[in-house]
N, C-alpha and C. Protein backbone atom coordinates (compact mmCIF):
# COMPACT_ATOMS: atom_id res chain seq x y z
N MET A 1 1.07 -1.06 0.15
CA MET A 1 0.17 0.03 0.02
C MET A 1 0.88 1.40 0.60
N VAL A 2 0.65 2.31 -0.88
CA VAL A 2 1.13 3.59 -0.58
C VAL A 2 0.19 4.75 -0.36
N LEU A 3 0.95 5.24 0.62
CA LEU A 3 0.05 6.18 0.59
C LEU A 3 0.36 7.80 0.43
N GLU A 4 -0.34 8.60 0.18
CA GLU A 4 0.30 10.00 -0.43
C GLU A 4 0.93 10.70 1.09
N LEU A 5 2.29 11.36 0.90
CA LEU A 5 2.85 11.93 1.93
C LEU A 5 1.76 13.08 2.46
N ARG A 6 1.32 13.84 1.65
CA ARG A 6 0.60 14.86 1.81
C ARG A 6 -0.62 14.01 2.75
N LEU A 7 -1.63 13.25 2.75
CA LEU A 7 -2.61 12.65 3.44
C LEU A 7 -1.84 12.27 4.85
N ILE A 8 -0.46 12.09 5.30
CA ILE A 8 -0.11 11.97 6.10
C ILE A 8 0.33 13.38 6.93
N ARG A 9 0.62 14.18 6.37
CA ARG A 9 0.94 15.77 6.73
C ARG A 9 -0.70 16.08 7.42
N HIS A 10 -1.59 15.83 6.48
CA HIS A 10 -3.31 16.10 6.89
C HIS A 10 -3.12 15.79 8.39
N ALA A 11 -2.91 14.67 7.96
CA ALA A 11 -3.55 13.93 9.45
C ALA A 11 -2.36 14.24 10.64
N LEU A 12 -1.50 14.82 10.48
CA LEU A 12 -0.44 15.33 11.35
C LEU A 12 -0.94 16.82 12.46
N ALA A 13 -1.52 17.28 11.32
CA ALA A 13 -1.77 18.16 11.57
C ALA A 13 -2.92 18.42 12.54
N LEU A 14 -4.03 17.71 11.77
CA LEU A 14 -5.20 17.36 12.65
C LEU A 14 -5.11 16.56 14.26
N GLY A 15 -3.73 16.09 14.19
CA GLY A 15 -3.56 15.28 15.51
C GLY A 15 -2.91 16.23 16.13
N HIS A 16 -2.12 17.09 15.73
CA HIS A 16 -1.56 18.02 16.44
C HIS A 16 -2.61 19.20 16.97
N LEU A 17 -3.35 19.88 16.43
CA LEU A 17 -4.76 20.96 16.79
C LEU A 17 -5.42 20.30 16.95
N GLY A 18 -5.92 19.05 16.68
CA GLY A 18 -7.22 18.71 17.32
C GLY A 18 -8.77 18.95 16.71
N ASN A 19 -8.58 20.10 15.60
CA ASN A 19 -9.28 20.94 15.45
C ASN A 19 -10.06 21.03 13.95
N PHE A 20 -10.38 20.59 13.17
CA PHE A 20 -10.38 20.53 11.64
C PHE A 20 -10.28 21.89 10.60
N GLY A 21 -10.41 23.16 11.92
CA GLY A 21 -11.13 24.16 11.10
C GLY A 21 -9.18 24.93 11.27
N ARG A 22 -8.42 24.52 12.56
CA ARG A 22 -7.57 25.39 12.74
C ARG A 22 -6.32 24.62 12.29
N ALA A 23 -6.65 23.24 11.79
CA ALA A 23 -5.44 22.11 11.23
C ALA A 23 -5.79 22.53 9.60
N ALA A 24 -6.74 22.53 8.88
CA ALA A 24 -7.18 23.20 7.39
C ALA A 24 -6.34 24.56 6.99
N GLU A 25 -6.64 25.17 8.33
CA GLU A 25 -6.18 27.56 8.03
C GLU A 25 -4.79 26.68 8.03
N SER A 26 -3.94 25.80 8.89
CA SER A 26 -2.42 26.36 8.77
C SER A 26 -1.74 25.49 7.79
N LEU A 27 -2.53 24.22 7.16
CA LEU A 27 -2.17 23.80 5.86
C LEU A 27 -2.29 24.49 4.71
N GLY A 28 -3.04 25.78 4.86
CA GLY A 28 -3.77 26.37 3.80
C GLY A 28 -5.01 25.90 2.73
N LEU A 29 -5.58 25.03 3.67
CA LEU A 29 -6.83 24.33 3.25
C LEU A 29 -7.85 24.85 3.29
N THR A 30 -9.00 24.45 2.69
CA THR A 30 -10.23 24.48 3.71
C THR A 30 -11.07 23.34 4.18
N GLN A 31 -11.65 23.38 4.84
CA GLN A 31 -12.03 23.27 5.75
C GLN A 31 -12.71 21.43 5.46
N PRO A 32 -13.64 21.47 3.99
CA PRO A 32 -13.71 20.26 3.44
C PRO A 32 -13.40 19.40 3.20
N SER A 33 -12.00 20.33 2.10
CA SER A 33 -10.37 19.65 1.93
C SER A 33 -10.17 18.79 2.58
N LEU A 34 -10.27 19.36 4.09
CA LEU A 34 -9.22 18.61 4.72
C LEU A 34 -9.56 17.27 5.28
N THR A 35 -11.32 17.42 5.59
CA THR A 35 -12.26 16.66 5.96
C THR A 35 -12.00 15.17 5.01
N ARG A 36 -12.35 15.57 3.77
CA ARG A 36 -12.04 14.62 2.52
C ARG A 36 -10.89 14.31 2.41
N SER A 37 -9.51 14.45 2.97
CA SER A 37 -8.19 14.18 2.61
C SER A 37 -8.30 13.07 3.99
N ILE A 38 -9.07 13.56 4.77
CA ILE A 38 -8.33 12.54 6.36
C ILE A 38 -9.26 11.09 5.96
N ALA A 39 -10.63 11.39 4.98
CA ALA A 39 -11.14 10.14 4.83
C ALA A 39 -10.82 9.47 3.84
N VAL A 40 -9.97 10.08 3.35
CA VAL A 40 -9.29 8.89 1.83
C VAL A 40 -8.49 8.41 2.52
N LEU A 41 -8.19 8.75 3.26
CA LEU A 41 -6.60 8.44 4.47
C LEU A 41 -7.25 7.22 5.21
N GLU A 42 -8.14 7.39 5.81
CA GLU A 42 -9.17 6.60 6.36
C GLU A 42 -9.13 5.51 6.13
N LYS A 43 -9.71 5.55 4.88
CA LYS A 43 -10.54 4.52 3.96
C LYS A 43 -9.63 3.41 3.14
N SER A 44 -8.33 4.37 2.89
CA SER A 44 -7.14 3.39 2.33
C SER A 44 -6.42 2.58 3.49
N LEU A 45 -6.85 3.09 4.47
CA LEU A 45 -6.08 2.19 5.78
C LEU A 45 -7.00 1.42 6.73
N GLY A 46 -8.70 1.89 6.26
CA GLY A 46 -9.71 0.77 6.36
C GLY A 46 -9.69 0.88 8.11
N VAL A 47 -9.55 1.77 8.61
CA VAL A 47 -9.10 2.28 10.20
C VAL A 47 -9.97 3.92 10.51
N LYS A 48 -10.39 3.89 11.54
CA LYS A 48 -10.74 5.42 12.14
C LYS A 48 -9.59 6.12 12.56
N LEU A 49 -9.36 7.01 12.38
CA LEU A 49 -8.19 7.43 12.32
C LEU A 49 -8.56 8.83 14.25
N PHE A 50 -9.30 9.54 13.54
CA PHE A 50 -10.15 10.18 14.66
C PHE A 50 -11.38 10.29 15.37
N ASP A 51 -11.43 10.07 16.96
CA ASP A 51 -12.91 10.64 17.09
C ASP A 51 -13.31 11.72 16.84
N ARG A 52 -14.70 11.98 16.55
CA ARG A 52 -15.36 13.38 16.43
C ARG A 52 -16.60 13.58 17.14
N ASN A 53 -16.13 14.99 17.92
CA ASN A 53 -16.97 15.31 18.96
C ASN A 53 -17.52 16.85 18.89
N HIS A 54 -18.45 17.51 19.62
CA HIS A 54 -18.63 18.63 19.13
C HIS A 54 -17.83 20.05 20.06
N ARG A 55 -16.10 19.42 20.58
CA ARG A 55 -15.47 20.09 20.46
C ARG A 55 -14.08 19.72 19.93
N GLY A 56 -14.16 19.19 18.78
CA GLY A 56 -13.13 18.86 18.08
C GLY A 56 -12.67 17.49 17.58
N VAL A 57 -11.49 16.74 17.77
CA VAL A 57 -11.18 15.32 16.94
C VAL A 57 -9.59 15.05 18.33
N ALA A 58 -10.49 13.33 18.17
CA ALA A 58 -9.26 13.15 19.23
C ALA A 58 -8.61 11.99 18.58
N PRO A 59 -7.06 11.73 18.80
CA PRO A 59 -6.81 10.60 17.86
C PRO A 59 -7.02 9.13 18.23
N THR A 60 -7.75 8.03 17.64
CA THR A 60 -7.78 6.94 18.27
C THR A 60 -6.71 6.35 18.47
N ALA A 61 -7.28 5.08 19.31
CA ALA A 61 -5.24 4.48 19.25
C ALA A 61 -4.79 4.39 17.94
N PHE A 62 -5.37 3.93 16.90
CA PHE A 62 -4.28 3.91 15.66
C PHE A 62 -4.04 5.01 15.59
N GLY A 63 -4.89 6.17 15.47
CA GLY A 63 -4.43 7.45 14.71
C GLY A 63 -3.03 7.93 15.63
N LYS A 64 -2.96 7.45 16.99
CA LYS A 64 -2.24 7.95 17.33
C LYS A 64 -0.57 7.22 17.03
N THR A 65 -0.92 5.91 16.69
CA THR A 65 0.15 5.19 16.22
C THR A 65 0.80 5.63 14.88
N VAL A 66 -0.21 6.37 13.93
CA VAL A 66 0.07 6.72 12.77
C VAL A 66 1.13 8.04 12.93
N THR A 67 0.69 8.95 13.30
CA THR A 67 0.88 10.16 13.90
C THR A 67 1.85 10.07 14.71
N ALA A 68 2.30 8.79 15.58
CA ALA A 68 3.96 8.84 16.16
C ALA A 68 4.66 8.57 15.22
N ALA A 69 4.22 7.31 14.37
CA ALA A 69 5.18 6.73 13.23
C ALA A 69 5.53 7.61 12.22
N ALA A 70 4.93 8.60 11.79
CA ALA A 70 5.25 10.00 11.34
C ALA A 70 6.02 10.77 11.64
N MET A 71 5.35 10.62 12.98
CA MET A 71 6.71 11.79 13.24
C MET A 71 8.18 11.33 13.77
N ILE A 72 8.22 10.20 14.07
CA ILE A 72 9.87 9.42 13.58
C ILE A 72 10.28 9.53 12.52
N ALA A 73 9.12 9.38 11.62
CA ALA A 73 9.96 9.46 10.18
C ALA A 73 10.54 10.90 9.63
N ARG A 74 9.40 11.59 10.01
CA ARG A 74 10.06 12.98 10.38
C ARG A 74 11.64 13.29 10.27
N ARG A 75 12.10 12.86 11.49
CA ARG A 75 13.22 13.20 11.62
C ARG A 75 14.39 12.95 11.00
């Protein structure tokens, strides 16, 4: 499976900021574009990466693993 680096960057920003609006702004995207990117990544992986609620988002256990691995790979 090949994942686009762009999608991983989007997940990292969302995991770090915990809010679609703020993450989209930091990436220079619209919120709907970021939402689609995360949906594509989740579909590609076959798992949910973030739990959504009225306060924002929180990474699932798998989301934490993906973002932690991406942070290590960035070093």
